[in-house]
Amino acid sequence: MTAVSQLVCTAAHADLPGDPPATGVDVRFHEAGVQYDRPWTLRCGAGGNATPVAG
């Protein structure tokens, strides 16, 4: 999970239109070779850990 947190938080801290806070940026993951109805949606938490977005 450490690698996922690093990827999510790095992406969330990128320069984005409107300069949203990293904790408000949804990052979606698609896992190759696995059938899911939808991608995983995660956010970078205040402590630097990726947390799932409910809903």
C-alpha atoms as a PDB file:
ATOM      1  CA  MET A   1       0.000   0.000   0.000  1.00  0.00           C
ATOM      2  CA  THR A   2       3.006   2.304   0.443  1.00  0.00           C
ATOM      3  CA  ALA A   3       3.587   2.466  -3.315  1.00  0.00           C
ATOM      4  CA  VAL A   4      -0.088   3.256  -3.960  1.00  0.00           C
ATOM      5  CA  SER A   5      -0.013   6.046  -1.363  1.00  0.00           C
ATOM      6  CA  GLN A   6       3.107   7.498  -2.947  1.00  0.00           C
ATOM      7  CA  LEU A   7       1.533   7.478  -6.420  1.00  0.00           C
ATOM      8  CA  VAL A   8      -1.773   8.950  -5.228  1.00  0.00           C
ATOM      9  CA  CYS A   9      -0.157  11.721  -3.185  1.00  0.00           C
ATOM     10  CA  THR A  10       2.342  12.575  -5.937  1.00  0.00           C
ATOM     11  CA  ALA A  11      -0.502  12.892  -8.456  1.00  0.00           C
ATOM     12  CA  ALA A  12      -2.658  14.865  -6.006  1.00  0.00           C
ATOM     13  CA  HIS A  13       0.131  17.418  -5.458  1.00  0.00           C
ATOM     14  CA  ALA A  14       0.531  18.094  -9.209  1.00  0.00           C
ATOM     15  CA  ASP A  15      -0.259  21.511 -10.659  1.00  0.00           C
ATOM     16  CA  LEU A  16      -3.986  21.334 -11.375  1.00  0.00           C
ATOM     17  CA  PRO A  17      -6.443  23.952 -12.632  1.00  0.00           C
ATOM     18  CA  GLY A  18      -7.918  25.877  -9.730  1.00  0.00           C
ATOM     19  CA  ASP A  19      -5.088  24.764  -7.402  1.00  0.00           C
ATOM     20  CA  PRO A  20      -7.209  22.372  -5.289  1.00  0.00           C
ATOM     21  CA  PRO A  21      -5.767  20.973  -2.042  1.00  0.00           C
ATOM     22  CA  ALA A  22      -4.227  17.505  -2.403  1.00  0.00           C
ATOM     23  CA  THR A  23      -6.789  16.127   0.052  1.00  0.00           C
ATOM     24  CA  GLY A  24      -9.566  17.126  -2.358  1.00  0.00           C
ATOM     25  CA  VAL A  25      -8.177  15.511  -5.523  1.00  0.00           C
ATOM     26  CA  ASP A  26      -9.655  12.157  -6.602  1.00  0.00           C
ATOM     27  CA  VAL A  27      -7.132   9.804  -8.185  1.00  0.00           C
ATOM     28  CA  ARG A  28      -8.522   6.793 -10.049  1.00  0.00           C
ATOM     29  CA  PHE A  29      -6.595   3.558 -10.553  1.00  0.00           C
ATOM     30  CA  HIS A  30      -7.216   0.804 -13.071  1.00  0.00           C
ATOM     31  CA  GLU A  31      -5.535  -2.526 -12.368  1.00  0.00           C
ATOM     32  CA  ALA A  32      -4.403  -4.325 -15.525  1.00  0.00           C
ATOM     33  CA  GLY A  33      -5.754  -7.830 -15.976  1.00  0.00           C
ATOM     34  CA  VAL A  34      -8.417  -7.514 -13.277  1.00  0.00           C
ATOM     35  CA  GLN A  35     -12.101  -7.097 -14.040  1.00  0.00           C
ATOM     36  CA  TYR A  36     -13.717  -4.367 -11.937  1.00  0.00           C
ATOM     37  CA  ASP A  37     -16.961  -2.534 -12.547  1.00  0.00           C
ATOM     38  CA  ARG A  38     -15.073   0.716 -12.004  1.00  0.00           C
ATOM     39  CA  PRO A  39     -11.605   1.961 -11.093  1.00  0.00           C
ATOM     40  CA  TRP A  40     -10.430   2.461  -7.526  1.00  0.00           C
ATOM     41  CA  THR A  41     -10.895   6.062  -6.428  1.00  0.00           C
ATOM     42  CA  LEU A  42      -8.481   7.285  -3.764  1.00  0.00           C
ATOM     43  CA  ARG A  43      -7.436  10.552  -2.134  1.00  0.00           C
ATOM     44  CA  CYS A  44      -4.252  11.602  -0.440  1.00  0.00           C
ATOM     45  CA  GLY A  45      -4.972  11.988   3.276  1.00  0.00           C
ATOM     46  CA  ALA A  46      -3.514  14.708   5.455  1.00  0.00           C
ATOM     47  CA  GLY A  47      -0.942  12.216   6.773  1.00  0.00           C
ATOM     48  CA  GLY A  48       0.232  11.252   3.269  1.00  0.00           C
ATOM     49  CA  ASN A  49      -1.683   7.979   3.085  1.00  0.00           C
ATOM     50  CA  ALA A  50      -4.050   7.043   0.275  1.00  0.00           C
ATOM     51  CA  THR A  51      -7.617   6.532   1.462  1.00  0.00           C
ATOM     52  CA  PRO A  52     -10.560   5.148  -0.537  1.00  0.00           C
ATOM     53  CA  VAL A  53     -13.295   7.544  -1.602  1.00  0.00           C
ATOM     54  CA  ALA A  54     -16.707   6.194  -0.632  1.00  0.00           C
ATOM     55  CA  GLY A  55     -19.490   6.149  -3.151  1.00  0.00           C
END
